[in-house]
Amino acid sequence: MKKIQDFLKSLWKWLMKNAVGIIIAMLAIAYVIGANAAYKIEKDKSQEEFQCETSCFPQQNEYIYHGDVGSCWCYVDSKTIKRYNQE
């Protein structure tokens, strides 16, 4: 039991001594993970928008988002748009 207490005491001292470094490292890791997730989302959106552009060509298009879900719309004339079906 004494060995366990000594080990836990030394572990606690080490954690307190290096707490600032540990917190900074955890924040850096969280930032990198968040930035990577944002990059992937932006890349997926731009790929979907590019597919919409090429599907509606030569007409103009709109990629309309509602929350996380988007859909491609192609202009029929200056006042009418039609949803593009990828079937």
PDB file of N, CA and C in Angstrom:
ATOM      1  N   MET A   1       0.827  -1.197   0.000  1.00  0.00           N
ATOM      2  CA  MET A   1       0.000   0.000   0.000  1.00  0.00           C
ATOM      3  C   MET A   1       0.869   1.258   0.000  1.00  0.00           C
ATOM      4  N   LYS A   2       1.971   1.192   0.698  1.00  0.00           N
ATOM      5  CA  LYS A   2       2.880   2.339   0.771  1.00  0.00           C
ATOM      6  C   LYS A   2       3.472   2.666  -0.599  1.00  0.00           C
ATOM      7  N   LYS A   3       3.773   1.604  -1.382  1.00  0.00           N
ATOM      8  CA  LYS A   3       4.332   1.826  -2.718  1.00  0.00           C
ATOM      9  C   LYS A   3       3.324   2.547  -3.623  1.00  0.00           C
ATOM     10  N   ILE A   4       2.062   2.162  -3.508  1.00  0.00           N
ATOM     11  CA  ILE A   4       1.026   2.801  -4.314  1.00  0.00           C
ATOM     12  C   ILE A   4       0.877   4.266  -3.934  1.00  0.00           C
ATOM     13  N   GLN A   5       0.891   4.560  -2.646  1.00  0.00           N
ATOM     14  CA  GLN A   5       0.780   5.940  -2.190  1.00  0.00           C
ATOM     15  C   GLN A   5       1.971   6.768  -2.657  1.00  0.00           C
ATOM     16  N   ASP A   6       3.173   6.194  -2.576  1.00  0.00           N
ATOM     17  CA  ASP A   6       4.362   6.914  -3.046  1.00  0.00           C
ATOM     18  C   ASP A   6       4.291   7.174  -4.550  1.00  0.00           C
ATOM     19  N   PHE A   7       3.827   6.168  -5.285  1.00  0.00           N
ATOM     20  CA  PHE A   7       3.704   6.339  -6.731  1.00  0.00           C
ATOM     21  C   PHE A   7       2.693   7.430  -7.063  1.00  0.00           C
ATOM     22  N   LEU A   8       1.529   7.383  -6.438  1.00  0.00           N
ATOM     23  CA  LEU A   8       0.505   8.398  -6.696  1.00  0.00           C
ATOM     24  C   LEU A   8       0.971   9.788  -6.286  1.00  0.00           C
ATOM     25  N   LYS A   9       1.704   9.865  -5.198  1.00  0.00           N
ATOM     26  CA  LYS A   9       2.231  11.154  -4.741  1.00  0.00           C
ATOM     27  C   LYS A   9       3.238  11.712  -5.746  1.00  0.00           C
ATOM     28  N   SER A  10       4.130  10.849  -6.248  1.00  0.00           N
ATOM     29  CA  SER A  10       5.117  11.315  -7.231  1.00  0.00           C
ATOM     30  C   SER A  10       4.430  11.670  -8.559  1.00  0.00           C
ATOM     31  N   LEU A  11       3.400  10.912  -8.936  1.00  0.00           N
ATOM     32  CA  LEU A  11       2.650  11.231 -10.149  1.00  0.00           C
ATOM     33  C   LEU A  11       1.960  12.585 -10.010  1.00  0.00           C
ATOM     34  N   TRP A  12       1.343  12.825  -8.870  1.00  0.00           N
ATOM     35  CA  TRP A  12       0.670  14.101  -8.624  1.00  0.00           C
ATOM     36  C   TRP A  12       1.657  15.262  -8.675  1.00  0.00           C
ATOM     37  N   LYS A  13       2.825  15.095  -8.091  1.00  0.00           N
ATOM     38  CA  LYS A  13       3.839  16.155  -8.127  1.00  0.00           C
ATOM     39  C   LYS A  13       4.279  16.433  -9.567  1.00  0.00           C
ATOM     40  N   TRP A  14       4.458  15.361 -10.336  1.00  0.00           N
ATOM     41  CA  TRP A  14       4.873  15.544 -11.720  1.00  0.00           C
ATOM     42  C   TRP A  14       3.791  16.275 -12.510  1.00  0.00           C
ATOM     43  N   LEU A  15       2.530  15.901 -12.319  1.00  0.00           N
ATOM     44  CA  LEU A  15       1.428  16.567 -13.013  1.00  0.00           C
ATOM     45  C   LEU A  15       1.353  18.048 -12.645  1.00  0.00           C
ATOM     46  N   MET A  16       1.506  18.365 -11.380  1.00  0.00           N
ATOM     47  CA  MET A  16       1.448  19.765 -10.956  1.00  0.00           C
ATOM     48  C   MET A  16       2.641  20.555 -11.499  1.00  0.00           C
ATOM     49  N   LYS A  17       3.794  19.928 -11.558  1.00  0.00           N
ATOM     50  CA  LYS A  17       4.991  20.598 -12.065  1.00  0.00           C
ATOM     51  C   LYS A  17       4.855  20.909 -13.561  1.00  0.00           C
ATOM     52  N   ASN A  18       4.190  20.019 -14.297  1.00  0.00           N
ATOM     53  CA  ASN A  18       4.088  20.162 -15.750  1.00  0.00           C
ATOM     54  C   ASN A  18       2.676  20.525 -16.209  1.00  0.00           C
ATOM     55  N   ALA A  19       1.845  21.026 -15.336  1.00  0.00           N
ATOM     56  CA  ALA A  19       0.442  21.294 -15.664  1.00  0.00           C
ATOM     57  C   ALA A  19       0.293  22.310 -16.793  1.00  0.00           C
ATOM     58  N   VAL A  20       1.081  23.361 -16.772  1.00  0.00           N
ATOM     59  CA  VAL A  20       0.967  24.401 -17.801  1.00  0.00           C
ATOM     60  C   VAL A  20       1.299  23.816 -19.170  1.00  0.00           C
ATOM     61  N   GLY A  21       2.359  23.057 -19.250  1.00  0.00           N
ATOM     62  CA  GLY A  21       2.739  22.432 -20.519  1.00  0.00           C
ATOM     63  C   GLY A  21       1.698  21.448 -21.009  1.00  0.00           C
ATOM     64  N   ILE A  22       1.123  20.689 -20.095  1.00  0.00           N
ATOM     65  CA  ILE A  22       0.096  19.721 -20.465  1.00  0.00           C
ATOM     66  C   ILE A  22      -1.141  20.432 -21.003  1.00  0.00           C
ATOM     67  N   ILE A  23      -1.547  21.503 -20.353  1.00  0.00           N
ATOM     68  CA  ILE A  23      -2.723  22.253 -20.802  1.00  0.00           C
ATOM     69  C   ILE A  23      -2.473  22.884 -22.171  1.00  0.00           C
ATOM     70  N   ILE A  24      -1.304  23.460 -22.365  1.00  0.00           N
ATOM     71  CA  ILE A  24      -0.974  24.061 -23.659  1.00  0.00           C
ATOM     72  C   ILE A  24      -0.958  22.999 -24.754  1.00  0.00           C
ATOM     73  N   ALA A  25      -0.393  21.834 -24.464  1.00  0.00           N
ATOM     74  CA  ALA A  25      -0.360  20.752 -25.453  1.00  0.00           C
ATOM     75  C   ALA A  25      -1.767  20.279 -25.790  1.00  0.00           C
ATOM     76  N   MET A  26      -2.628  20.163 -24.791  1.00  0.00           N
ATOM     77  CA  MET A  26      -4.005  19.735 -25.043  1.00  0.00           C
ATOM     78  C   MET A  26      -4.759  20.761 -25.875  1.00  0.00           C
ATOM     79  N   LEU A  27      -4.549  22.047 -25.602  1.00  0.00           N
ATOM     80  CA  LEU A  27      -5.191  23.097 -26.400  1.00  0.00           C
ATOM     81  C   LEU A  27      -4.689  23.078 -27.843  1.00  0.00           C
ATOM     82  N   ALA A  28      -3.396  22.858 -28.020  1.00  0.00           N
ATOM     83  CA  ALA A  28      -2.835  22.796 -29.367  1.00  0.00           C
ATOM     84  C   ALA A  28      -3.412  21.615 -30.145  1.00  0.00           C
ATOM     85  N   ILE A  29      -3.533  20.473 -29.486  1.00  0.00           N
ATOM     86  CA  ILE A  29      -4.099  19.294 -30.140  1.00  0.00           C
ATOM     87  C   ILE A  29      -5.565  19.540 -30.505  1.00  0.00           C
ATOM     88  N   ALA A  30      -6.324  20.156 -29.601  1.00  0.00           N
ATOM     89  CA  ALA A  30      -7.729  20.453 -29.883  1.00  0.00           C
ATOM     90  C   ALA A  30      -7.852  21.429 -31.055  1.00  0.00           C
ATOM     91  N   TYR A  31      -6.963  22.424 -31.130  1.00  0.00           N
ATOM     92  CA  TYR A  31      -6.979  23.378 -32.230  1.00  0.00           C
ATOM     93  C   TYR A  31      -6.695  22.686 -33.559  1.00  0.00           C
ATOM     94  N   VAL A  32      -5.708  21.808 -33.585  1.00  0.00           N
ATOM     95  CA  VAL A  32      -5.356  21.110 -34.823  1.00  0.00           C
ATOM     96  C   VAL A  32      -6.508  20.212 -35.274  1.00  0.00           C
ATOM     97  N   ILE A  33      -7.125  19.507 -34.348  1.00  0.00           N
ATOM     98  CA  ILE A  33      -8.257  18.642 -34.697  1.00  0.00           C
ATOM     99  C   ILE A  33      -9.417  19.478 -35.234  1.00  0.00           C
ATOM    100  N   GLY A  34      -9.717  20.603 -34.588  1.00  0.00           N
ATOM    101  CA  GLY A  34     -10.790  21.476 -35.050  1.00  0.00           C
ATOM    102  C   GLY A  34     -10.510  22.082 -36.412  1.00  0.00           C
ATOM    103  N   ALA A  35      -9.283  22.521 -36.636  1.00  0.00           N
ATOM    104  CA  ALA A  35      -8.923  23.107 -37.928  1.00  0.00           C
ATOM    105  C   ALA A  35      -9.011  22.059 -39.033  1.00  0.00           C
ATOM    106  N   ASN A  36      -8.603  20.848 -38.733  1.00  0.00           N
ATOM    107  CA  ASN A  36      -8.673  19.769 -39.716  1.00  0.00           C
ATOM    108  C   ASN A  36     -10.127  19.450 -40.062  1.00  0.00           C
ATOM    109  N   ALA A  37     -10.997  19.401 -39.070  1.00  0.00           N
ATOM    110  CA  ALA A  37     -12.411  19.132 -39.326  1.00  0.00           C
ATOM    111  C   ALA A  37     -13.031  20.245 -40.166  1.00  0.00           C
ATOM    112  N   ALA A  38     -12.703  21.496 -39.868  1.00  0.00           N
ATOM    113  CA  ALA A  38     -13.231  22.618 -40.645  1.00  0.00           C
ATOM    114  C   ALA A  38     -12.740  22.566 -42.087  1.00  0.00           C
ATOM    115  N   TYR A  39     -11.484  22.190 -42.283  1.00  0.00           N
ATOM    116  CA  TYR A  39     -10.923  22.070 -43.636  1.00  0.00           C
ATOM    117  C   TYR A  39     -11.662  20.999 -44.435  1.00  0.00           C
ATOM    118  N   LYS A  40     -11.940  19.848 -43.802  1.00  0.00           N
ATOM    119  CA  LYS A  40     -12.641  18.770 -44.496  1.00  0.00           C
ATOM    120  C   LYS A  40     -14.055  19.187 -44.886  1.00  0.00           C
ATOM    121  N   ILE A  41     -14.748  19.883 -43.995  1.00  0.00           N
ATOM    122  CA  ILE A  41     -16.109  20.342 -44.292  1.00  0.00           C
ATOM    123  C   ILE A  41     -16.089  21.330 -45.456  1.00  0.00           C
ATOM    124  N   GLU A  42     -15.147  22.259 -45.427  1.00  0.00           N
ATOM    125  CA  GLU A  42     -15.048  23.260 -46.496  1.00  0.00           C
ATOM    126  C   GLU A  42     -14.699  22.599 -47.819  1.00  0.00           C
ATOM    127  N   LYS A  43     -13.835  21.603 -47.793  1.00  0.00           N
ATOM    128  CA  LYS A  43     -13.445  20.894 -49.008  1.00  0.00           C
ATOM    129  C   LYS A  43     -14.644  20.151 -49.593  1.00  0.00           C
ATOM    130  N   ASP A  44     -15.427  19.489 -48.743  1.00  0.00           N
ATOM    131  CA  ASP A  44     -16.607  18.772 -49.221  1.00  0.00           C
ATOM    132  C   ASP A  44     -17.625  19.729 -49.830  1.00  0.00           C
ATOM    133  N   LYS A  45     -17.822  20.883 -49.191  1.00  0.00           N
ATOM    134  CA  LYS A  45     -18.767  21.866 -49.727  1.00  0.00           C
ATOM    135  C   LYS A  45     -18.315  22.377 -51.086  1.00  0.00           C
ATOM    136  N   SER A  46     -17.032  22.677 -51.224  1.00  0.00           N
ATOM    137  CA  SER A  46     -16.556  23.210 -52.496  1.00  0.00           C
ATOM    138  C   SER A  46     -16.649  22.154 -53.589  1.00  0.00           C
ATOM    139  N   GLN A  47     -16.453  20.875 -53.247  1.00  0.00           N
ATOM    140  CA  GLN A  47     -16.586  19.811 -54.233  1.00  0.00           C
ATOM    141  C   GLN A  47     -18.041  19.679 -54.687  1.00  0.00           C
ATOM    142  N   GLU A  48     -18.981  19.771 -53.750  1.00  0.00           N
ATOM    143  CA  GLU A  48     -20.401  19.696 -54.103  1.00  0.00           C
ATOM    144  C   GLU A  48     -20.803  20.879 -54.973  1.00  0.00           C
ATOM    145  N   GLU A  49     -20.307  22.058 -54.652  1.00  0.00           N
ATOM    146  CA  GLU A  49     -20.629  23.242 -55.441  1.00  0.00           C
ATOM    147  C   GLU A  49     -20.041  23.134 -56.851  1.00  0.00           C
ATOM    148  N   PHE A  50     -18.850  22.564 -56.971  1.00  0.00           N
ATOM    149  CA  PHE A  50     -18.234  22.380 -58.290  1.00  0.00           C
ATOM    150  C   PHE A  50     -19.052  21.391 -59.120  1.00  0.00           C
ATOM    151  N   GLN A  51     -19.519  20.314 -58.498  1.00  0.00           N
ATOM    152  CA  GLN A  51     -20.358  19.352 -59.215  1.00  0.00           C
ATOM    153  C   GLN A  51     -21.659  20.006 -59.670  1.00  0.00           C
ATOM    154  N   CYS A  52     -22.176  20.903 -58.847  1.00  0.00           N
ATOM    155  CA  CYS A  52     -23.394  21.630 -59.222  1.00  0.00           C
ATOM    156  C   CYS A  52     -23.125  22.520 -60.437  1.00  0.00           C
ATOM    157  N   GLU A  53     -22.003  23.217 -60.436  1.00  0.00           N
ATOM    158  CA  GLU A  53     -21.655  24.090 -61.558  1.00  0.00           C
ATOM    159  C   GLU A  53     -21.541  23.294 -62.851  1.00  0.00           C
ATOM    160  N   THR A  54     -20.854  22.164 -62.799  1.00  0.00           N
ATOM    161  CA  THR A  54     -20.658  21.382 -64.019  1.00  0.00           C
ATOM    162  C   THR A  54     -21.936  20.694 -64.462  1.00  0.00           C
ATOM    163  N   SER A  55     -22.815  20.353 -63.534  1.00  0.00           N
ATOM    164  CA  SER A  55     -24.082  19.695 -63.898  1.00  0.00           C
ATOM    165  C   SER A  55     -25.034  20.660 -64.582  1.00  0.00           C
ATOM    166  N   CYS A  56     -25.026  21.920 -64.181  1.00  0.00           N
ATOM    167  CA  CYS A  56     -25.952  22.904 -64.735  1.00  0.00           C
ATOM    168  C   CYS A  56     -25.396  23.634 -65.947  1.00  0.00           C
ATOM    169  N   PHE A  57     -24.119  23.449 -66.266  1.00  0.00           N
ATOM    170  CA  PHE A  57     -23.492  24.183 -67.358  1.00  0.00           C
ATOM    171  C   PHE A  57     -24.270  23.977 -68.642  1.00  0.00           C
ATOM    172  N   PRO A  58     -24.544  24.967 -69.447  1.00  0.00           N
ATOM    173  CA  PRO A  58     -24.092  26.343 -69.462  1.00  0.00           C
ATOM    174  C   PRO A  58     -24.997  27.294 -68.680  1.00  0.00           C
ATOM    175  N   GLN A  59     -26.017  26.763 -68.021  1.00  0.00           N
ATOM    176  CA  GLN A  59     -26.911  27.619 -67.240  1.00  0.00           C
ATOM    177  C   GLN A  59     -26.214  28.052 -65.948  1.00  0.00           C
ATOM    178  N   GLN A  60     -26.736  29.099 -65.346  1.00  0.00           N
ATOM    179  CA  GLN A  60     -26.269  29.521 -64.036  1.00  0.00           C
ATOM    180  C   GLN A  60     -26.839  28.580 -62.980  1.00  0.00           C
ATOM    181  N   ASN A  61     -26.242  28.592 -61.799  1.00  0.00           N
ATOM    182  CA  ASN A  61     -26.702  27.675 -60.766  1.00  0.00           C
ATOM    183  C   ASN A  61     -26.607  28.319 -59.389  1.00  0.00           C
ATOM    184  N   GLU A  62     -27.261  27.706 -58.444  1.00  0.00           N
ATOM    185  CA  GLU A  62     -27.184  28.082 -57.031  1.00  0.00           C
ATOM    186  C   GLU A  62     -27.067  26.787 -56.236  1.00  0.00           C
ATOM    187  N   TYR A  63     -26.178  26.775 -55.266  1.00  0.00           N
ATOM    188  CA  TYR A  63     -26.118  25.654 -54.343  1.00  0.00           C
ATOM    189  C   TYR A  63     -26.644  26.192 -53.024  1.00  0.00           C
ATOM    190  N   ILE A  64     -27.856  25.794 -52.665  1.00  0.00           N
ATOM    191  CA  ILE A  64     -28.553  26.380 -51.528  1.00  0.00           C
ATOM    192  C   ILE A  64     -28.449  25.441 -50.332  1.00  0.00           C
ATOM    193  N   TYR A  65     -28.025  26.005 -49.215  1.00  0.00           N
ATOM    194  CA  TYR A  65     -27.859  25.231 -47.984  1.00  0.00           C
ATOM    195  C   TYR A  65     -29.010  25.506 -47.031  1.00  0.00           C
ATOM    196  N   HIS A  66     -29.415  24.469 -46.339  1.00  0.00           N
ATOM    197  CA  HIS A  66     -30.356  24.586 -45.224  1.00  0.00           C
ATOM    198  C   HIS A  66     -29.734  23.796 -44.084  1.00  0.00           C
ATOM    199  N   GLY A  67     -29.047  24.496 -43.195  1.00  0.00           N
ATOM    200  CA  GLY A  67     -28.292  23.812 -42.141  1.00  0.00           C
ATOM    201  C   GLY A  67     -27.064  23.161 -42.749  1.00  0.00           C
ATOM    202  N   ASP A  68     -26.905  21.872 -42.552  1.00  0.00           N
ATOM    203  CA  ASP A  68     -25.765  21.141 -43.104  1.00  0.00           C
ATOM    204  C   ASP A  68     -26.068  20.521 -44.460  1.00  0.00           C
ATOM    205  N   VAL A  69     -27.317  20.569 -44.873  1.00  0.00           N
ATOM    206  CA  VAL A  69     -27.737  19.908 -46.109  1.00  0.00           C
ATOM    207  C   VAL A  69     -27.876  20.946 -47.212  1.00  0.00           C
ATOM    208  N   GLY A  70     -27.362  20.613 -48.379  1.00  0.00           N
ATOM    209  CA  GLY A  70     -27.464  21.527 -49.510  1.00  0.00           C
ATOM    210  C   GLY A  70     -28.037  20.824 -50.726  1.00  0.00           C
ATOM    211  N   SER A  71     -28.522  21.608 -51.663  1.00  0.00           N
ATOM    212  CA  SER A  71     -29.038  21.044 -52.908  1.00  0.00           C
ATOM    213  C   SER A  71     -28.714  21.991 -54.060  1.00  0.00           C
ATOM    214  N   CYS A  72     -28.588  21.396 -55.217  1.00  0.00           N
ATOM    215  CA  CYS A  72     -28.213  22.134 -56.419  1.00  0.00           C
ATOM    216  C   CYS A  72     -29.459  22.584 -57.164  1.00  0.00           C
ATOM    217  N   TRP A  73     -29.463  23.845 -57.579  1.00  0.00           N
ATOM    218  CA  TRP A  73     -30.569  24.421 -58.336  1.00  0.00           C
ATOM    219  C   TRP A  73     -30.020  25.075 -59.595  1.00  0.00           C
ATOM    220  N   CYS A  74     -30.647  24.800 -60.731  1.00  0.00           N
ATOM    221  CA  CYS A  74     -30.231  25.377 -62.016  1.00  0.00           C
ATOM    222  C   CYS A  74     -31.275  26.395 -62.483  1.00  0.00           C
ATOM    223  N   TYR A  75     -30.797  27.503 -63.028  1.00  0.00           N
ATOM    224  CA  TYR A  75     -31.704  28.514 -63.562  1.00  0.00           C
ATOM    225  C   TYR A  75     -32.258  28.054 -64.912  1.00  0.00           C
ATOM    226  N   VAL A  76     -33.575  28.112 -65.044  1.00  0.00           N
ATOM    227  CA  VAL A  76     -34.228  27.818 -66.318  1.00  0.00           C
ATOM    228  C   VAL A  76     -34.280  29.099 -67.146  1.00  0.00           C
ATOM    229  N   ASP A  77     -34.723  30.178 -66.527  1.00  0.00           N
ATOM    230  CA  ASP A  77     -34.683  31.506 -67.134  1.00  0.00           C
ATOM    231  C   ASP A  77     -34.353  32.496 -66.024  1.00  0.00           C
ATOM    232  N   SER A  78     -34.547  33.771 -66.279  1.00  0.00           N
ATOM    233  CA  SER A  78     -34.109  34.780 -65.307  1.00  0.00           C
ATOM    234  C   SER A  78     -34.921  34.778 -64.010  1.00  0.00           C
ATOM    235  N   LYS A  79     -36.105  34.146 -64.005  1.00  0.00           N
ATOM    236  CA  LYS A  79     -36.932  34.164 -62.807  1.00  0.00           C
ATOM    237  C   LYS A  79     -37.263  32.778 -62.262  1.00  0.00           C
ATOM    238  N   THR A  80     -36.838  31.740 -62.945  1.00  0.00           N
ATOM    239  CA  THR A  80     -37.227  30.379 -62.569  1.00  0.00           C
ATOM    240  C   THR A  80     -35.986  29.524 -62.328  1.00  0.00           C
ATOM    241  N   ILE A  81     -36.009  28.793 -61.236  1.00  0.00           N
ATOM    242  CA  ILE A  81     -34.948  27.818 -60.992  1.00  0.00           C
ATOM    243  C   ILE A  81     -35.576  26.444 -60.789  1.00  0.00           C
ATOM    244  N   LYS A  82     -34.793  25.419 -61.132  1.00  0.00           N
ATOM    245  CA  LYS A  82     -35.285  24.043 -61.032  1.00  0.00           C
ATOM    246  C   LYS A  82     -34.234  23.231 -60.295  1.00  0.00           C
ATOM    247  N   ARG A  83     -34.693  22.375 -59.402  1.00  0.00           N
ATOM    248  CA  ARG A  83     -33.778  21.548 -58.608  1.00  0.00           C
ATOM    249  C   ARG A  83     -33.143  20.494 -59.519  1.00  0.00           C
ATOM    250  N   TYR A  84     -31.828  20.362 -59.398  1.00  0.00           N
ATOM    251  CA  TYR A  84     -31.107  19.374 -60.192  1.00  0.00           C
ATOM    252  C   TYR A  84     -31.211  18.018 -59.491  1.00  0.00           C
ATOM    253  N   ASN A  85     -31.678  17.008 -60.222  1.00  0.00           N
ATOM    254  CA  ASN A  85     -31.758  15.645 -59.689  1.00  0.00           C
ATOM    255  C   ASN A  85     -30.577  14.851 -60.220  1.00  0.00           C
ATOM    256  N   GLN A  86     -29.851  14.220 -59.345  1.00  0.00           N
ATOM    257  CA  GLN A  86     -28.639  13.502 -59.737  1.00  0.00           C
ATOM    258  C   GLN A  86     -28.928  12.060 -60.114  1.00  0.00           C
ATOM    259  N   GLU A  87     -30.077  11.779 -60.631  1.00  0.00           N
ATOM    260  CA  GLU A  87     -30.464  10.403 -60.982  1.00  0.00           C
ATOM    261  C   GLU A  87     -29.932  10.010 -62.318  1.00  0.00           C
TER     262      GLU A  87
END
